[in-house]
């Protein structure tokens, strides 16, 4: 089995961290291929960057030359999952939805702790669209930019832990979802500080994608995610040839 996992930004070190985290939970025999978009922003923290990332991720996937069995979009609250589902027959898993759905097996209410406050509405919208808000306690911002998770890890951990504690104590969350692909591998530190289960979206998405493939399930093509109708597409980056691969 081969699973492609797509970083939504162009920071290669973050792509590597996402891939390393994914491999820790992949089943034996499952190959994880982490990919970085060829264009876009070095971090995604708003709508403009998110829509740009959606195009970049689709472009990267349709040009991947080898067979694959599933795709993971490793961006929290980002746009583009639906487009990938139209383009591909294989399962497509978004880490935002993977984390939230997993959290609901572990406690009554869950909270998401993310990066900047401006990302909160994007995450809330993604969870609402996915039908995952009924048991959402809160979405809280740590106040850190995405790249600060790498450049100042001690401060990042402290800020994420603080907001996680508030989510548990004030918002009554029983599970915390780490709301950024760059937060991979912080679960244990946050769990020790809060005493509740911590769900990393990357790892949750890998286990879900792995299971869907093993069950022989693919994306439904009868209506919502039917392939794009043949069109004349002008210009770069996603060409008509790419769409008919």
C-alpha atoms as a PDB file:
ATOM      1  CA  UNK A   1       0.000   0.000   0.000  1.00  0.00           C
ATOM      2  CA  UNK A   2       1.237   3.488  -0.833  1.00  0.00           C
ATOM      3  CA  UNK A   3      -0.231   6.593   0.844  1.00  0.00           C
ATOM      4  CA  UNK A   4       0.641  10.087  -0.367  1.00  0.00           C
ATOM      5  CA  UNK A   5       0.647  12.730   2.359  1.00  0.00           C
ATOM      6  CA  UNK A   6       0.671  16.308   1.148  1.00  0.00           C
ATOM      7  CA  UNK A   7       2.024  19.205   3.158  1.00  0.00           C
ATOM      8  CA  UNK A   8      -0.031  22.269   2.219  1.00  0.00           C
ATOM      9  CA  UNK A   9       2.891  24.686   2.514  1.00  0.00           C
ATOM     10  CA  UNK A  10       6.301  24.801   0.844  1.00  0.00           C
ATOM     11  CA  UNK A  11       8.453  24.376   3.976  1.00  0.00           C
ATOM     12  CA  UNK A  12      10.383  21.167   3.320  1.00  0.00           C
ATOM     13  CA  UNK A  13      11.397  20.611   6.955  1.00  0.00           C
ATOM     14  CA  UNK A  14       7.728  20.546   7.940  1.00  0.00           C
ATOM     15  CA  UNK A  15       7.009  18.054   5.167  1.00  0.00           C
ATOM     16  CA  UNK A  16       9.708  15.787   6.577  1.00  0.00           C
ATOM     17  CA  UNK A  17       8.317  16.060  10.113  1.00  0.00           C
ATOM     18  CA  UNK A  18       4.833  15.184   8.833  1.00  0.00           C
ATOM     19  CA  UNK A  19       6.180  12.164   6.975  1.00  0.00           C
ATOM     20  CA  UNK A  20       8.203  10.958   9.954  1.00  0.00           C
ATOM     21  CA  UNK A  21       5.146  11.193  12.208  1.00  0.00           C
ATOM     22  CA  UNK A  22       2.968   9.380   9.683  1.00  0.00           C
ATOM     23  CA  UNK A  23       5.380   6.453   9.429  1.00  0.00           C
ATOM     24  CA  UNK A  24       5.235   5.880  13.176  1.00  0.00           C
ATOM     25  CA  UNK A  25       1.623   4.690  12.941  1.00  0.00           C
ATOM     26  CA  UNK A  26       1.497   3.249   9.427  1.00  0.00           C
ATOM     27  CA  UNK A  27       0.830  -0.487   9.187  1.00  0.00           C
ATOM     28  CA  UNK A  28       3.670  -2.817   8.219  1.00  0.00           C
ATOM     29  CA  UNK A  29       3.976  -2.807   4.450  1.00  0.00           C
ATOM     30  CA  UNK A  30       2.430   0.652   4.076  1.00  0.00           C
ATOM     31  CA  UNK A  31       4.674   3.115   2.265  1.00  0.00           C
ATOM     32  CA  UNK A  32       4.300   6.766   3.225  1.00  0.00           C
ATOM     33  CA  UNK A  33       5.333   9.258   0.535  1.00  0.00           C
ATOM     34  CA  UNK A  34       5.440  12.843   1.796  1.00  0.00           C
ATOM     35  CA  UNK A  35       5.187  15.574  -0.831  1.00  0.00           C
ATOM     36  CA  UNK A  36       5.786  19.334  -0.821  1.00  0.00           C
ATOM     37  CA  UNK A  37       3.898  21.599  -3.266  1.00  0.00           C
ATOM     38  CA  UNK A  38       5.974  23.182  -6.032  1.00  0.00           C
ATOM     39  CA  UNK A  39       4.469  26.594  -5.416  1.00  0.00           C
ATOM     40  CA  UNK A  40       2.602  28.421  -2.665  1.00  0.00           C
ATOM     41  CA  UNK A  41       3.272  30.006   0.702  1.00  0.00           C
ATOM     42  CA  UNK A  42       5.840  28.827   3.236  1.00  0.00           C
ATOM     43  CA  UNK A  43       3.007  28.654   5.772  1.00  0.00           C
ATOM     44  CA  UNK A  44      -0.783  28.678   5.432  1.00  0.00           C
ATOM     45  CA  UNK A  45      -2.544  30.959   7.900  1.00  0.00           C
ATOM     46  CA  UNK A  46      -5.454  32.506   6.018  1.00  0.00           C
ATOM     47  CA  UNK A  47      -7.903  32.107   3.164  1.00  0.00           C
ATOM     48  CA  UNK A  48      -5.656  33.373   0.368  1.00  0.00           C
ATOM     49  CA  UNK A  49      -2.847  30.990   1.278  1.00  0.00           C
ATOM     50  CA  UNK A  50      -5.331  28.158   1.809  1.00  0.00           C
ATOM     51  CA  UNK A  51      -6.923  28.499  -1.630  1.00  0.00           C
ATOM     52  CA  UNK A  52      -3.480  28.755  -3.203  1.00  0.00           C
ATOM     53  CA  UNK A  53      -2.452  25.596  -1.340  1.00  0.00           C
ATOM     54  CA  UNK A  54      -5.540  23.775  -2.614  1.00  0.00           C
ATOM     55  CA  UNK A  55      -4.434  24.335  -6.204  1.00  0.00           C
ATOM     56  CA  UNK A  56      -0.823  23.458  -5.410  1.00  0.00           C
ATOM     57  CA  UNK A  57      -1.784  20.203  -3.682  1.00  0.00           C
ATOM     58  CA  UNK A  58      -4.070  19.123  -6.535  1.00  0.00           C
ATOM     59  CA  UNK A  59      -1.317  19.953  -9.017  1.00  0.00           C
ATOM     60  CA  UNK A  60       1.236  17.904  -7.086  1.00  0.00           C
ATOM     61  CA  UNK A  61      -1.045  14.881  -6.764  1.00  0.00           C
ATOM     62  CA  UNK A  62      -2.164  14.663 -10.401  1.00  0.00           C
ATOM     63  CA  UNK A  63       1.466  14.846 -11.537  1.00  0.00           C
ATOM     64  CA  UNK A  64       2.704  12.109  -9.194  1.00  0.00           C
ATOM     65  CA  UNK A  65       4.041   9.457 -11.587  1.00  0.00           C
ATOM     66  CA  UNK A  66       3.538   6.224  -9.609  1.00  0.00           C
ATOM     67  CA  UNK A  67       0.391   4.357  -8.465  1.00  0.00           C
ATOM     68  CA  UNK A  68      -0.966   5.158  -5.001  1.00  0.00           C
ATOM     69  CA  UNK A  69      -3.800   3.901  -2.815  1.00  0.00           C
ATOM     70  CA  UNK A  70      -4.851   6.934  -0.745  1.00  0.00           C
ATOM     71  CA  UNK A  71      -4.102  10.635  -0.262  1.00  0.00           C
ATOM     72  CA  UNK A  72      -3.883  12.660   2.947  1.00  0.00           C
ATOM     73  CA  UNK A  73      -4.167  16.443   2.913  1.00  0.00           C
ATOM     74  CA  UNK A  74      -2.043  17.521   5.856  1.00  0.00           C
ATOM     75  CA  UNK A  75      -3.345  21.029   6.437  1.00  0.00           C
ATOM     76  CA  UNK A  76      -5.675  22.030   9.268  1.00  0.00           C
ATOM     77  CA  UNK A  77      -8.836  23.769   8.057  1.00  0.00           C
ATOM     78  CA  UNK A  78      -7.477  24.085   4.529  1.00  0.00           C
ATOM     79  CA  UNK A  79      -9.493  24.106   1.323  1.00  0.00           C
ATOM     80  CA  UNK A  80      -9.164  21.554  -1.467  1.00  0.00           C
ATOM     81  CA  UNK A  81     -10.222  18.171  -0.128  1.00  0.00           C
ATOM     82  CA  UNK A  82     -13.385  18.135  -2.233  1.00  0.00           C
ATOM     83  CA  UNK A  83     -11.419  18.918  -5.389  1.00  0.00           C
ATOM     84  CA  UNK A  84      -9.081  16.030  -4.728  1.00  0.00           C
ATOM     85  CA  UNK A  85     -12.060  13.735  -4.235  1.00  0.00           C
ATOM     86  CA  UNK A  86     -13.385  14.698  -7.663  1.00  0.00           C
ATOM     87  CA  UNK A  87     -10.015  14.077  -9.282  1.00  0.00           C
ATOM     88  CA  UNK A  88      -9.258  10.748  -7.593  1.00  0.00           C
ATOM     89  CA  UNK A  89     -10.963   7.407  -7.116  1.00  0.00           C
ATOM     90  CA  UNK A  90      -8.846   6.501  -4.071  1.00  0.00           C
ATOM     91  CA  UNK A  91      -9.741   7.631  -0.523  1.00  0.00           C
ATOM     92  CA  UNK A  92      -8.841  11.233   0.329  1.00  0.00           C
ATOM     93  CA  UNK A  93      -8.521  12.072   4.028  1.00  0.00           C
ATOM     94  CA  UNK A  94      -8.207  15.565   5.509  1.00  0.00           C
ATOM     95  CA  UNK A  95      -6.382  15.812   8.839  1.00  0.00           C
ATOM     96  CA  UNK A  96      -8.926  18.258  10.290  1.00  0.00           C
ATOM     97  CA  UNK A  97     -11.789  15.843   9.836  1.00  0.00           C
ATOM     98  CA  UNK A  98      -9.658  12.818  10.747  1.00  0.00           C
ATOM     99  CA  UNK A  99      -8.685  14.302  14.116  1.00  0.00           C
ATOM    100  CA  UNK A 100     -12.201  15.441  15.007  1.00  0.00           C
ATOM    101  CA  UNK A 101     -13.872  12.183  14.054  1.00  0.00           C
ATOM    102  CA  UNK A 102     -11.265  10.214  16.005  1.00  0.00           C
ATOM    103  CA  UNK A 103     -11.725  12.446  19.059  1.00  0.00           C
ATOM    104  CA  UNK A 104     -15.401  11.558  19.220  1.00  0.00           C
ATOM    105  CA  UNK A 105     -14.530   7.938  19.980  1.00  0.00           C
ATOM    106  CA  UNK A 106     -12.528   9.072  23.016  1.00  0.00           C
ATOM    107  CA  UNK A 107     -14.673  11.597  24.867  1.00  0.00           C
ATOM    108  CA  UNK A 108     -17.961  13.498  24.856  1.00  0.00           C
ATOM    109  CA  UNK A 109     -16.566  16.905  23.823  1.00  0.00           C
ATOM    110  CA  UNK A 110     -13.346  17.838  22.035  1.00  0.00           C
ATOM    111  CA  UNK A 111     -11.430  21.060  21.479  1.00  0.00           C
ATOM    112  CA  UNK A 112      -8.947  22.058  18.804  1.00  0.00           C
ATOM    113  CA  UNK A 113      -5.813  24.016  19.700  1.00  0.00           C
ATOM    114  CA  UNK A 114      -4.337  25.715  16.668  1.00  0.00           C
ATOM    115  CA  UNK A 115      -1.867  28.449  15.693  1.00  0.00           C
ATOM    116  CA  UNK A 116      -3.032  32.019  15.035  1.00  0.00           C
ATOM    117  CA  UNK A 117      -6.491  33.341  15.916  1.00  0.00           C
ATOM    118  CA  UNK A 118      -7.194  34.096  12.253  1.00  0.00           C
ATOM    119  CA  UNK A 119      -7.112  30.339  11.570  1.00  0.00           C
ATOM    120  CA  UNK A 120      -9.955  29.667  14.020  1.00  0.00           C
ATOM    121  CA  UNK A 121     -12.833  30.570  11.638  1.00  0.00           C
ATOM    122  CA  UNK A 122     -11.323  28.415   8.868  1.00  0.00           C
ATOM    123  CA  UNK A 123     -11.206  25.418  11.184  1.00  0.00           C
ATOM    124  CA  UNK A 124     -14.707  26.061  12.517  1.00  0.00           C
ATOM    125  CA  UNK A 125     -16.018  26.273   8.943  1.00  0.00           C
ATOM    126  CA  UNK A 126     -14.283  23.039   7.910  1.00  0.00           C
ATOM    127  CA  UNK A 127     -15.673  21.182  10.923  1.00  0.00           C
ATOM    128  CA  UNK A 128     -19.172  22.582  10.323  1.00  0.00           C
ATOM    129  CA  UNK A 129     -19.046  21.559   6.665  1.00  0.00           C
ATOM    130  CA  UNK A 130     -18.004  18.058   7.729  1.00  0.00           C
ATOM    131  CA  UNK A 131     -20.840  17.796  10.264  1.00  0.00           C
ATOM    132  CA  UNK A 132     -18.427  17.561  13.203  1.00  0.00           C
ATOM    133  CA  UNK A 133     -19.424  20.543  15.346  1.00  0.00           C
ATOM    134  CA  UNK A 134     -22.133  19.010  17.558  1.00  0.00           C
ATOM    135  CA  UNK A 135     -19.507  17.815  20.033  1.00  0.00           C
ATOM    136  CA  UNK A 136     -17.000  20.617  19.497  1.00  0.00           C
ATOM    137  CA  UNK A 137     -16.265  22.425  22.765  1.00  0.00           C
ATOM    138  CA  UNK A 138     -14.007  25.118  21.295  1.00  0.00           C
ATOM    139  CA  UNK A 139     -11.298  26.068  18.852  1.00  0.00           C
ATOM    140  CA  UNK A 140      -8.498  27.898  20.628  1.00  0.00           C
ATOM    141  CA  UNK A 141      -5.493  29.744  19.227  1.00  0.00           C
ATOM    142  CA  UNK A 142      -2.018  29.486  20.731  1.00  0.00           C
ATOM    143  CA  UNK A 143      -1.039  32.810  19.165  1.00  0.00           C
ATOM    144  CA  UNK A 144       1.912  31.307  17.311  1.00  0.00           C
ATOM    145  CA  UNK A 145       2.563  31.351  13.593  1.00  0.00           C
ATOM    146  CA  UNK A 146       2.977  28.001  11.849  1.00  0.00           C
ATOM    147  CA  UNK A 147       6.718  28.441  11.341  1.00  0.00           C
ATOM    148  CA  UNK A 148       7.230  29.324  14.999  1.00  0.00           C
ATOM    149  CA  UNK A 149       6.420  25.710  15.829  1.00  0.00           C
ATOM    150  CA  UNK A 150       9.876  24.906  14.416  1.00  0.00           C
ATOM    151  CA  UNK A 151      11.804  28.082  15.168  1.00  0.00           C
ATOM    152  CA  UNK A 152      10.783  28.379  18.848  1.00  0.00           C
ATOM    153  CA  UNK A 153       9.639  24.902  19.978  1.00  0.00           C
ATOM    154  CA  UNK A 154       9.808  25.598  23.731  1.00  0.00           C
ATOM    155  CA  UNK A 155       7.541  28.609  23.436  1.00  0.00           C
ATOM    156  CA  UNK A 156       5.281  26.663  21.090  1.00  0.00           C
ATOM    157  CA  UNK A 157       4.841  23.782  23.525  1.00  0.00           C
ATOM    158  CA  UNK A 158       4.156  26.170  26.410  1.00  0.00           C
ATOM    159  CA  UNK A 159       1.499  28.076  24.443  1.00  0.00           C
ATOM    160  CA  UNK A 160      -0.211  24.914  23.185  1.00  0.00           C
ATOM    161  CA  UNK A 161      -0.202  23.387  26.661  1.00  0.00           C
ATOM    162  CA  UNK A 162      -1.693  26.568  28.164  1.00  0.00           C
ATOM    163  CA  UNK A 163      -4.574  26.694  25.683  1.00  0.00           C
ATOM    164  CA  UNK A 164      -5.164  22.964  26.041  1.00  0.00           C
ATOM    165  CA  UNK A 165      -5.475  23.330  29.811  1.00  0.00           C
ATOM    166  CA  UNK A 166      -7.977  26.168  29.377  1.00  0.00           C
ATOM    167  CA  UNK A 167      -9.963  24.057  26.914  1.00  0.00           C
ATOM    168  CA  UNK A 168     -10.178  21.216  29.428  1.00  0.00           C
ATOM    169  CA  UNK A 169     -10.851  23.336  32.517  1.00  0.00           C
ATOM    170  CA  UNK A 170     -13.048  26.112  31.085  1.00  0.00           C
ATOM    171  CA  UNK A 171     -14.577  24.667  27.910  1.00  0.00           C
ATOM    172  CA  UNK A 172     -15.016  21.177  29.419  1.00  0.00           C
ATOM    173  CA  UNK A 173     -13.210  19.441  26.576  1.00  0.00           C
ATOM    174  CA  UNK A 174     -12.381  15.800  27.227  1.00  0.00           C
ATOM    175  CA  UNK A 175     -10.120  15.360  24.188  1.00  0.00           C
ATOM    176  CA  UNK A 176      -7.705  17.805  22.528  1.00  0.00           C
ATOM    177  CA  UNK A 177      -6.985  17.852  18.795  1.00  0.00           C
ATOM    178  CA  UNK A 178      -3.696  19.439  17.747  1.00  0.00           C
ATOM    179  CA  UNK A 179      -4.799  21.898  15.071  1.00  0.00           C
ATOM    180  CA  UNK A 180      -1.811  22.055  12.736  1.00  0.00           C
ATOM    181  CA  UNK A 181       0.153  19.504  10.731  1.00  0.00           C
ATOM    182  CA  UNK A 182       3.317  21.049  12.174  1.00  0.00           C
ATOM    183  CA  UNK A 183       2.270  20.017  15.687  1.00  0.00           C
ATOM    184  CA  UNK A 184       3.037  16.374  14.937  1.00  0.00           C
ATOM    185  CA  UNK A 185       4.775  14.603  17.820  1.00  0.00           C
ATOM    186  CA  UNK A 186       3.600  17.009  20.537  1.00  0.00           C
ATOM    187  CA  UNK A 187       0.933  14.631  21.825  1.00  0.00           C
ATOM    188  CA  UNK A 188       2.817  13.245  24.796  1.00  0.00           C
ATOM    189  CA  UNK A 189       3.852  16.635  26.192  1.00  0.00           C
ATOM    190  CA  UNK A 190       0.306  17.988  25.989  1.00  0.00           C
ATOM    191  CA  UNK A 191      -1.196  14.770  27.369  1.00  0.00           C
ATOM    192  CA  UNK A 192       1.042  14.868  30.420  1.00  0.00           C
ATOM    193  CA  UNK A 193       0.040  18.474  31.094  1.00  0.00           C
ATOM    194  CA  UNK A 194      -3.713  17.983  30.674  1.00  0.00           C
ATOM    195  CA  UNK A 195      -4.405  14.341  31.498  1.00  0.00           C
ATOM    196  CA  UNK A 196      -6.711  13.908  28.488  1.00  0.00           C
ATOM    197  CA  UNK A 197      -6.279  12.066  25.153  1.00  0.00           C
ATOM    198  CA  UNK A 198      -4.463  14.108  22.502  1.00  0.00           C
ATOM    199  CA  UNK A 199      -5.182  13.507  18.816  1.00  0.00           C
ATOM    200  CA  UNK A 200      -2.712  14.490  16.118  1.00  0.00           C
ATOM    201  CA  UNK A 201      -4.467  14.864  12.782  1.00  0.00           C
ATOM    202  CA  UNK A 202      -1.612  13.432  10.745  1.00  0.00           C
ATOM    203  CA  UNK A 203      -1.529  10.169  12.668  1.00  0.00           C
ATOM    204  CA  UNK A 204      -5.306   9.933  12.791  1.00  0.00           C
ATOM    205  CA  UNK A 205      -5.492  10.438   9.024  1.00  0.00           C
ATOM    206  CA  UNK A 206      -2.909   7.731   8.357  1.00  0.00           C
ATOM    207  CA  UNK A 207      -4.805   5.142  10.383  1.00  0.00           C
ATOM    208  CA  UNK A 208      -8.100   6.070   8.703  1.00  0.00           C
ATOM    209  CA  UNK A 209      -6.644   6.032   5.186  1.00  0.00           C
ATOM    210  CA  UNK A 210      -4.905   2.734   5.903  1.00  0.00           C
ATOM    211  CA  UNK A 211      -8.170   1.192   7.125  1.00  0.00           C
ATOM    212  CA  UNK A 212     -10.211   2.432   4.161  1.00  0.00           C
ATOM    213  CA  UNK A 213      -7.746   0.912   1.708  1.00  0.00           C
ATOM    214  CA  UNK A 214      -7.643  -2.393   3.590  1.00  0.00           C
ATOM    215  CA  UNK A 215     -11.446  -2.529   3.504  1.00  0.00           C
ATOM    216  CA  UNK A 216     -11.378  -2.007  -0.247  1.00  0.00           C
ATOM    217  CA  UNK A 217     -13.309   1.275  -0.075  1.00  0.00           C
ATOM    218  CA  UNK A 218     -13.018   4.159  -2.535  1.00  0.00           C
ATOM    219  CA  UNK A 219     -14.549   7.611  -2.925  1.00  0.00           C
ATOM    220  CA  UNK A 220     -18.115   7.467  -4.259  1.00  0.00           C
ATOM    221  CA  UNK A 221     -18.397   8.767  -7.822  1.00  0.00           C
ATOM    222  CA  UNK A 222     -22.152   8.766  -8.351  1.00  0.00           C
ATOM    223  CA  UNK A 223     -22.882  12.416  -7.507  1.00  0.00           C
ATOM    224  CA  UNK A 224     -20.999  14.888  -5.322  1.00  0.00           C
ATOM    225  CA  UNK A 225     -17.484  13.694  -6.145  1.00  0.00           C
ATOM    226  CA  UNK A 226     -18.097  12.606  -9.727  1.00  0.00           C
ATOM    227  CA  UNK A 227     -15.087  13.335 -11.963  1.00  0.00           C
ATOM    228  CA  UNK A 228     -14.890  16.882 -13.358  1.00  0.00           C
ATOM    229  CA  UNK A 229     -16.767  17.269 -16.641  1.00  0.00           C
ATOM    230  CA  UNK A 230     -14.520  17.616 -19.708  1.00  0.00           C
ATOM    231  CA  UNK A 231     -13.637  21.275 -20.081  1.00  0.00           C
ATOM    232  CA  UNK A 232     -11.159  23.438 -21.928  1.00  0.00           C
ATOM    233  CA  UNK A 233      -8.822  24.610 -19.177  1.00  0.00           C
ATOM    234  CA  UNK A 234      -6.571  27.486 -20.137  1.00  0.00           C
ATOM    235  CA  UNK A 235      -3.141  27.892 -18.616  1.00  0.00           C
ATOM    236  CA  UNK A 236      -1.133  26.535 -15.719  1.00  0.00           C
ATOM    237  CA  UNK A 237      -0.870  24.797 -13.267  1.00  0.00           C
ATOM    238  CA  UNK A 238      -3.615  22.152 -13.580  1.00  0.00           C
ATOM    239  CA  UNK A 239      -3.898  21.267 -17.252  1.00  0.00           C
ATOM    240  CA  UNK A 240      -6.515  19.306 -19.151  1.00  0.00           C
ATOM    241  CA  UNK A 241      -3.961  16.535 -19.605  1.00  0.00           C
ATOM    242  CA  UNK A 242      -3.462  16.307 -15.840  1.00  0.00           C
ATOM    243  CA  UNK A 243      -7.186  15.972 -15.236  1.00  0.00           C
ATOM    244  CA  UNK A 244      -7.541  13.083 -17.659  1.00  0.00           C
ATOM    245  CA  UNK A 245      -4.678  10.985 -16.299  1.00  0.00           C
END
